[in-house]
Amino acid sequence: MAARQERQPVGFYAIIVALVFMSVGPVLLMLVNSFKLDVDILSGGTGLLFLPTIKNYETALCDVLWYEIDHLDFCSLKFGGAFINSLIIALISTLLTLIIGCMAAYALVRFRFMGRDTVSMSTLMVRMVPPAVLLVPVFGLWNNEFCLDRDGLIGGMIRDTFGGRGDVCLAGTHSGIILIYVAMNLPFVIWILQSFIVQVPRSLEEAARVDGAGPFQVFFKVVLPLIKPGLAAAAIFTFRIAWNEYLLASALSDRDTRTVPILIVNNMSEFNVEWGVIMATGMLLAIPPIIFTLFASRQIITGMTAGAVKG
C-alpha cells in the first residue's frame, strides 16, 4: 500500500502566495503604470481601467527610434547610449570576475600553502565592506593617482585620439567602473566557487593526469565542466549587481559612460518627475537581467543533470 502523502497546512500555501505577490506585485504595478499617462498615475487610481499608451516608451527610446515622435520636441533621454554602457560594463565585469574567481577558488581548494585559510576567510570578509565606504577613497584614487599625464607620450596620444583637455584618468571611463565592480564582486564569487570545487572528486583529476593532461587541461576540461552550475550562479549574482549598481557608477562615470540606473535618477528633478517615463525605463532596465538569468539557469540545470562518469 502506497504511503499517503502528507498534506501541507493551509498556512503554508498562504505564505507562498504572499511571497509571490510581494515579489511579482511591484513588477506588475510598474508594468501597468508604464502604459499610463502621468495624470492617470497621479490620480491615485490603481485599477486596470485606463487608456493604454506607448508614449512613455517612445520618450524613453527617443534616441534609438527610427521615426519622429510627435509629442516630444527634444530628446533629453539618451537611453540607447546608457543601455550600451550598462551592457559593456556588466558583461565585461562578469566575465573578468568569473575568470579570476574560478582560478583563485581552485588554487585555494587544491593547493596547500601558508596562510591559505586566512586568505580564504579574508576574501569573504572583504565582501562585507559596504560599497559606500569605498566611494570616497576610490573616487580620489581614480581621479588623482591612477592618471596619465596629458603631456606624456601615452596620455598625449590618448588625448589626441579621443579629445579632452585634462589628464587621462580612470574616472569617467568604462575601465574604471569595471575594475571596481570586479574587485567588489570577486570575493563572493571565490567563496561560491570554492564550495563547488570541493565537491569535484580528486580521482577525476588524477585520472586525467595519468592520461597525460597538463594542469591547464585538467582545470579547463575536467574541473570547469563539473562546476558549471556554480559558474552560472556566480554569473547571475555578478551580472545583476553590476547591472543595477548606482552609487559607485554615479561617482565614477561621466556623461559618456553613465549607465541606465543613473539615467533613471537624473530624470527626476525638484519640480518635475515623469513617473510614466521612469516606469517605462525601469521595465526596459529589467529585461536584460531576466534574459541573462533564464540563460544561466539553463546552464545550472544542464550541469546538474550531466554525469562525470558514464555507467
Protein backbone atom coordinates (compact mmCIF):
# COMPACT_ATOMS: atom_id res chain seq x y z
CA MET A 1 0.00 0.00 0.00
CA ALA A 2 1.48 3.29 -1.09
CA ALA A 3 2.24 5.73 1.64
CA ARG A 4 -0.17 8.60 1.83
CA GLN A 5 1.36 11.95 1.09
CA GLU A 6 1.18 14.41 3.92
CA ARG A 7 -0.91 17.43 3.05
CA GLN A 8 0.64 20.79 3.74
CA PRO A 9 -1.33 23.11 6.05
CA VAL A 10 -3.27 26.00 4.57
CA GLY A 11 -0.92 28.50 6.20
CA PHE A 12 1.98 27.12 4.14
CA TYR A 13 0.23 27.91 0.86
CA ALA A 14 -0.87 31.30 2.21
CA ILE A 15 2.75 32.21 2.93
CA ILE A 16 3.80 31.08 -0.57
CA VAL A 17 1.06 33.18 -2.17
CA ALA A 18 2.03 36.19 -0.06
CA LEU A 19 5.70 35.86 -1.02
CA VAL A 20 4.83 35.54 -4.72
CA PHE A 21 2.58 38.59 -4.51
CA MET A 22 5.29 40.61 -2.76
CA SER A 23 7.80 39.63 -5.46
CA VAL A 24 5.64 39.94 -8.57
CA GLY A 25 3.26 42.69 -7.40
CA PRO A 26 5.68 45.64 -7.72
CA VAL A 27 6.79 44.46 -11.17
CA LEU A 28 3.19 44.19 -12.38
CA LEU A 29 2.39 47.61 -10.90
CA MET A 30 5.40 49.11 -12.70
CA LEU A 31 4.36 47.41 -15.95
CA VAL A 32 0.80 48.75 -15.72
CA ASN A 33 1.95 52.27 -14.82
CA SER A 34 4.40 52.31 -17.72
CA PHE A 35 1.39 52.36 -20.09
CA LYS A 36 -0.34 55.19 -18.19
CA LEU A 37 -0.04 58.94 -18.53
CA ASP A 38 1.28 60.89 -15.55
CA VAL A 39 -2.23 62.27 -14.99
CA ASP A 40 -3.62 58.75 -14.55
CA ILE A 41 -0.76 57.71 -12.26
CA LEU A 42 -1.03 60.75 -10.00
CA SER A 43 -4.81 60.49 -9.81
CA GLY A 44 -4.41 57.66 -7.31
CA GLY A 45 -6.29 55.06 -9.30
CA THR A 46 -4.63 51.64 -9.35
CA GLY A 47 -7.23 49.86 -11.45
CA LEU A 48 -6.82 48.39 -14.90
CA LEU A 49 -9.47 50.60 -16.49
CA PHE A 50 -7.41 53.17 -18.38
CA LEU A 51 -6.43 54.03 -21.94
CA PRO A 52 -3.03 52.41 -22.61
CA THR A 53 -0.38 54.48 -24.31
CA ILE A 54 3.16 53.85 -25.52
CA LYS A 55 4.21 57.49 -25.17
CA ASN A 56 6.34 56.69 -22.15
CA TYR A 57 8.32 54.07 -24.07
CA GLU A 58 8.64 56.43 -27.03
CA THR A 59 10.06 59.10 -24.73
CA ALA A 60 12.47 56.63 -23.12
CA LEU A 61 13.64 55.31 -26.50
CA CYS A 62 13.59 58.63 -28.35
CA ASP A 63 17.29 58.39 -29.29
CA VAL A 64 17.00 54.94 -30.89
CA LEU A 65 13.60 55.04 -32.61
CA TRP A 66 13.66 55.44 -36.37
CA TYR A 67 10.56 57.62 -36.61
CA GLU A 68 9.83 61.13 -35.35
CA ILE A 69 7.90 61.38 -32.08
CA ASP A 70 5.03 63.85 -32.32
CA HIS A 71 4.57 64.60 -28.62
CA LEU A 72 8.29 65.23 -27.99
CA ASP A 73 10.08 68.42 -29.04
CA PHE A 74 13.53 67.50 -27.72
CA CYS A 75 15.05 64.13 -26.83
CA SER A 76 16.68 64.65 -23.44
CA LEU A 77 16.98 60.96 -22.52
CA LYS A 78 19.84 59.03 -24.09
CA PHE A 79 18.68 55.54 -23.21
CA GLY A 80 20.48 53.87 -26.11
CA GLY A 81 23.91 55.07 -25.05
CA ALA A 82 23.27 54.35 -21.38
CA PHE A 83 21.99 50.86 -22.26
CA ILE A 84 25.16 50.10 -24.24
CA ASN A 85 27.31 51.38 -21.36
CA SER A 86 25.45 49.17 -18.86
CA LEU A 87 25.78 46.18 -21.16
CA ILE A 88 29.52 46.68 -21.70
CA ILE A 89 30.25 47.21 -18.01
CA ALA A 90 28.05 44.34 -16.76
CA LEU A 91 29.23 41.74 -19.30
CA ILE A 92 32.95 42.52 -19.12
CA SER A 93 32.99 42.77 -15.33
CA THR A 94 31.08 39.47 -15.05
CA LEU A 95 33.47 37.73 -17.45
CA LEU A 96 36.60 39.02 -15.70
CA THR A 97 35.20 38.18 -12.26
CA LEU A 98 34.41 34.60 -13.30
CA ILE A 99 37.82 34.06 -14.94
CA ILE A 100 39.78 35.37 -11.98
CA GLY A 101 37.40 33.94 -9.39
CA CYS A 102 37.37 30.34 -10.65
CA MET A 103 41.17 30.23 -10.83
CA ALA A 104 41.56 31.75 -7.37
CA ALA A 105 38.96 29.38 -5.90
CA TYR A 106 40.69 26.36 -7.46
CA ALA A 107 44.05 27.47 -6.03
CA LEU A 108 42.57 27.93 -2.55
CA VAL A 109 40.94 24.49 -2.62
CA ARG A 110 43.57 22.31 -4.31
CA PHE A 111 46.91 23.95 -3.47
CA ARG A 112 48.42 23.93 0.01
CA PHE A 113 50.40 26.98 1.07
CA MET A 114 50.98 29.02 4.20
CA GLY A 115 48.03 31.24 5.12
CA ARG A 116 45.55 29.52 2.81
CA ASP A 117 42.73 29.52 5.37
CA THR A 118 43.43 33.14 6.27
CA VAL A 119 43.28 34.21 2.62
CA SER A 120 40.06 32.26 2.10
CA MET A 121 38.37 33.89 5.08
CA SER A 122 39.73 37.34 4.25
CA THR A 123 38.16 37.26 0.78
CA LEU A 124 34.71 36.82 2.30
CA MET A 125 35.32 39.49 4.94
CA VAL A 126 36.23 41.99 2.22
CA ARG A 127 32.81 41.44 0.63
CA MET A 128 31.17 42.54 3.88
CA VAL A 129 32.52 46.07 3.42
CA PRO A 130 29.64 48.34 2.26
CA PRO A 131 30.17 49.92 -1.19
CA ALA A 132 29.53 53.37 0.30
CA VAL A 133 32.76 53.03 2.34
CA LEU A 134 34.74 52.63 -0.90
CA LEU A 135 33.20 55.67 -2.59
CA VAL A 136 35.48 58.45 -1.30
CA PRO A 137 38.86 56.62 -1.47
CA VAL A 138 38.13 55.11 -4.88
CA PHE A 139 36.97 58.47 -6.23
CA GLY A 140 40.20 60.08 -5.02
CA LEU A 141 42.42 57.34 -6.43
CA TRP A 142 40.63 57.19 -9.77
CA ASN A 143 40.87 60.99 -10.20
CA ASN A 144 44.38 61.64 -8.88
CA GLU A 145 46.65 58.61 -8.54
CA PHE A 146 45.69 56.40 -11.49
CA CYS A 147 46.15 59.04 -14.18
CA LEU A 148 48.36 59.54 -17.20
CA ASP A 149 49.90 62.97 -17.65
CA ARG A 150 48.40 64.79 -20.62
CA ASP A 151 51.88 65.99 -21.55
CA GLY A 152 53.29 62.46 -21.54
CA LEU A 153 53.64 60.20 -24.57
CA ILE A 154 50.76 57.80 -23.87
CA GLY A 155 48.48 60.40 -22.30
CA GLY A 156 49.10 62.78 -25.20
CA MET A 157 48.31 60.07 -27.76
CA ILE A 158 45.04 59.23 -26.00
CA ARG A 159 44.04 62.89 -25.78
CA ASP A 160 44.90 63.46 -29.45
CA THR A 161 42.81 60.46 -30.45
CA PHE A 162 39.75 60.85 -28.23
CA GLY A 163 39.90 64.54 -27.34
CA GLY A 164 39.77 66.26 -23.96
CA ARG A 165 41.90 68.73 -22.08
CA GLY A 166 42.85 67.16 -18.73
CA ASP A 167 44.93 64.18 -17.67
CA VAL A 168 43.78 60.68 -18.66
CA CYS A 169 42.31 59.11 -15.50
CA LEU A 170 40.29 56.00 -14.69
CA ALA A 171 37.37 58.14 -13.52
CA GLY A 172 34.84 58.67 -16.27
CA THR A 173 35.88 55.54 -18.20
CA HIS A 174 34.39 52.08 -18.62
CA SER A 175 37.63 50.57 -17.32
CA GLY A 176 37.42 52.43 -14.01
CA ILE A 177 33.87 51.22 -13.32
CA ILE A 178 34.62 47.66 -14.48
CA LEU A 179 37.69 47.47 -12.23
CA ILE A 180 35.82 48.46 -9.07
CA TYR A 181 32.97 46.06 -9.90
CA VAL A 182 35.42 43.18 -10.34
CA ALA A 183 37.09 44.00 -7.02
CA MET A 184 33.70 44.30 -5.29
CA ASN A 185 32.21 41.01 -6.59
CA LEU A 186 35.34 38.85 -6.71
CA PRO A 187 35.38 37.79 -3.01
CA PHE A 188 31.81 36.47 -3.12
CA VAL A 189 32.42 34.63 -6.40
CA ILE A 190 35.51 32.96 -4.94
CA TRP A 191 33.51 31.88 -1.90
CA ILE A 192 30.70 30.42 -4.04
CA LEU A 193 33.01 28.51 -6.39
CA GLN A 194 35.07 27.05 -3.55
CA SER A 195 32.06 25.06 -2.35
CA PHE A 196 31.58 23.63 -5.85
CA ILE A 197 35.25 22.78 -6.48
CA VAL A 198 35.47 20.92 -3.16
CA GLN A 199 32.79 18.52 -4.42
CA VAL A 200 34.80 17.57 -7.53
CA PRO A 201 36.47 14.19 -6.86
CA ARG A 202 40.24 14.30 -6.91
CA SER A 203 40.22 10.93 -8.65
CA LEU A 204 38.93 12.54 -11.85
CA GLU A 205 41.82 14.98 -11.88
CA GLU A 206 44.33 12.23 -11.11
CA ALA A 207 42.90 10.09 -13.91
CA ALA A 208 43.27 12.99 -16.34
CA ARG A 209 46.90 13.49 -15.28
CA VAL A 210 47.59 9.79 -15.79
CA ASP A 211 46.22 10.15 -19.32
CA GLY A 212 48.76 12.90 -19.98
CA ALA A 213 46.70 16.02 -19.30
CA GLY A 214 48.56 19.09 -18.07
CA PRO A 215 47.48 21.39 -15.23
CA PHE A 216 45.55 23.73 -17.51
CA GLN A 217 43.89 20.85 -19.36
CA VAL A 218 42.78 19.36 -16.04
CA PHE A 219 41.35 22.68 -14.95
CA PHE A 220 39.58 23.65 -18.17
CA LYS A 221 38.48 20.21 -19.42
CA VAL A 222 37.73 18.38 -16.16
CA VAL A 223 37.01 20.85 -13.36
CA LEU A 224 35.22 23.66 -15.18
CA PRO A 225 32.55 21.48 -16.84
CA LEU A 226 31.71 19.95 -13.45
CA ILE A 227 31.29 23.30 -11.70
CA LYS A 228 29.10 24.76 -14.44
CA PRO A 229 26.15 25.25 -12.02
CA GLY A 230 28.41 27.25 -9.70
CA LEU A 231 29.68 29.38 -12.57
CA ALA A 232 26.11 30.07 -13.66
CA ALA A 233 25.03 31.04 -10.14
CA ALA A 234 28.06 33.30 -9.72
CA ALA A 235 27.42 34.86 -13.15
CA ILE A 236 23.82 35.67 -12.24
CA PHE A 237 24.89 37.30 -8.98
CA THR A 238 27.72 39.31 -10.57
CA PHE A 239 25.74 40.46 -13.60
CA ARG A 240 22.76 41.67 -11.57
CA ILE A 241 24.97 43.57 -9.13
CA ALA A 242 26.88 45.26 -11.94
CA TRP A 243 23.71 45.99 -13.90
CA ASN A 244 21.74 47.58 -11.05
CA GLU A 245 24.55 49.32 -9.12
CA TYR A 246 24.10 53.08 -8.83
CA LEU A 247 26.22 54.60 -6.06
CA LEU A 248 29.72 53.91 -7.37
CA ALA A 249 28.71 54.35 -11.01
CA SER A 250 27.24 57.79 -10.30
CA ALA A 251 30.55 58.97 -8.82
CA LEU A 252 32.92 57.33 -11.34
CA SER A 253 31.05 57.90 -14.61
CA ASP A 254 30.61 60.97 -16.78
CA ARG A 255 28.15 61.97 -19.47
CA ASP A 256 29.55 59.46 -21.97
CA THR A 257 29.79 56.47 -19.60
CA ARG A 258 26.71 56.80 -17.40
CA THR A 259 24.55 53.71 -17.02
CA VAL A 260 20.78 53.18 -17.07
CA PRO A 261 20.25 53.48 -13.26
CA ILE A 262 21.94 56.89 -13.38
CA LEU A 263 19.74 57.87 -16.32
CA ILE A 264 16.60 56.99 -14.36
CA VAL A 265 17.63 59.04 -11.32
CA ASN A 266 18.68 62.01 -13.46
CA ASN A 267 15.21 62.03 -15.00
CA MET A 268 13.82 63.23 -11.67
CA SER A 269 14.09 66.88 -10.69
CA GLU A 270 12.85 69.12 -7.90
CA PHE A 271 9.99 70.49 -9.99
CA ASN A 272 9.07 67.62 -12.31
CA VAL A 273 9.00 63.83 -12.01
CA GLU A 274 7.88 61.95 -15.11
CA TRP A 275 6.60 58.82 -13.39
CA GLY A 276 5.41 57.17 -16.59
CA VAL A 277 8.80 57.52 -18.26
CA ILE A 278 10.53 56.27 -15.11
CA MET A 279 8.28 53.19 -15.05
CA ALA A 280 8.92 52.52 -18.75
CA THR A 281 12.67 52.91 -18.33
CA GLY A 282 12.55 50.62 -15.30
CA MET A 283 10.80 47.92 -17.32
CA LEU A 284 13.41 48.23 -20.07
CA LEU A 285 16.12 48.04 -17.41
CA ALA A 286 14.66 44.75 -16.09
CA ILE A 287 14.70 42.92 -19.44
CA PRO A 288 18.45 42.08 -19.78
CA PRO A 289 18.82 40.62 -16.24
CA ILE A 290 15.75 38.45 -16.82
CA ILE A 291 17.14 37.13 -20.13
CA PHE A 292 20.58 36.59 -18.60
CA THR A 293 19.10 34.77 -15.59
CA LEU A 294 16.99 32.47 -17.79
CA PHE A 295 20.01 31.61 -19.93
CA ALA A 296 22.25 30.99 -16.91
CA SER A 297 19.53 28.92 -15.19
CA ARG A 298 19.57 26.53 -18.16
CA GLN A 299 23.29 26.05 -17.58
CA ILE A 300 22.59 25.23 -13.93
CA ILE A 301 20.10 22.52 -14.90
CA THR A 302 22.42 21.17 -17.61
CA GLY A 303 25.33 20.97 -15.20
CA MET A 304 23.29 19.26 -12.51
CA THR A 305 21.98 16.57 -14.87
CA ALA A 306 25.31 15.88 -16.59
CA GLY A 307 27.31 12.95 -15.27
CA ALA A 308 31.07 12.83 -14.97
CA VAL A 309 31.25 9.05 -15.41
CA LYS A 310 29.05 7.00 -17.71
CA GLY A 311 27.89 3.69 -16.31
